Protein backbone atom coordinates (compact mmCIF):
# COMPACT_ATOMS: atom_id res chain seq x y z
CA UNK A 1 144.35 78.68 210.43
CA UNK A 2 142.19 81.05 208.39
CA UNK A 3 140.45 79.94 205.24
CA UNK A 4 138.15 81.15 202.48
CA UNK A 5 136.13 77.97 202.12
CA UNK A 6 132.85 79.66 203.00
CA UNK A 7 133.50 82.37 200.40
CA UNK A 8 134.40 79.89 197.66
CA UNK A 9 131.44 77.70 198.61
CA UNK A 10 129.07 80.69 198.44
CA UNK A 11 130.44 81.63 195.00
CA UNK A 12 129.39 78.21 193.74
CA UNK A 13 126.10 78.37 195.69
CA UNK A 14 126.91 75.06 197.40
CA UNK A 15 125.67 73.98 200.81
CA UNK A 16 128.09 72.53 203.32
CA UNK A 17 126.60 69.12 202.58
CA UNK A 18 127.15 69.49 198.83
CA UNK A 19 130.80 70.39 199.39
CA UNK A 20 131.21 67.57 201.91
CA UNK A 21 129.81 65.08 199.39
CA UNK A 22 132.10 66.43 196.66
CA UNK A 23 135.26 65.94 198.74
CA UNK A 24 134.23 62.84 200.69
CA UNK A 25 133.93 64.15 204.25
CA UNK A 26 131.05 64.90 206.61
CA UNK A 27 129.16 68.18 206.72
CA UNK A 28 130.41 68.57 210.30
CA UNK A 29 134.00 68.45 209.02
CA UNK A 30 133.32 71.26 206.53
CA UNK A 31 131.64 73.28 209.28
CA UNK A 32 134.60 72.79 211.64
CA UNK A 33 137.10 73.79 208.94
CA UNK A 34 135.10 76.92 208.05
CA UNK A 35 134.98 77.94 211.72
CA UNK A 36 138.71 77.41 212.12
CA UNK A 37 138.20 74.67 214.70
CA UNK A 38 139.81 71.98 212.54
CA UNK A 39 142.85 72.13 210.29
CA UNK A 40 142.41 69.74 207.37
CA UNK A 41 145.00 67.17 206.43
CA UNK A 42 147.20 67.94 203.44
CA UNK A 43 145.29 65.52 201.18
CA UNK A 44 141.97 67.11 202.17
CA UNK A 45 143.35 70.64 201.67
CA UNK A 46 144.58 69.65 198.20
CA UNK A 47 141.22 68.08 197.37
CA UNK A 48 139.37 71.20 198.50
CA UNK A 49 141.64 73.41 196.41
CA UNK A 50 141.18 71.17 193.37
CA UNK A 51 137.40 71.18 193.86
CA UNK A 52 137.41 74.99 193.84
CA UNK A 53 140.00 75.13 191.03
CA UNK A 54 142.36 77.26 193.10
CA UNK A 55 145.59 76.85 195.03
CA UNK A 56 145.92 75.73 198.63
CA UNK A 57 147.64 79.07 199.33
CA UNK A 58 144.59 80.97 198.03
CA UNK A 59 142.20 78.85 200.11
CA UNK A 60 144.17 78.72 203.39
CA UNK A 61 146.39 81.13 205.34
CA UNK A 62 148.22 80.90 208.67
């Protein structure tokens, strides 16, 4: 699964740790998602999209 988390995170000038704290996961989880090694659960994907004020479809792609 491809995603734009790193791009959205850079736009807000957030570190992986800052994003992880904002959505309630570990920095390692954010890193794994960004690298495409981990597909987030639906609740986490929705939380990430809400945090970035975008849609899940804009943030993630198959």
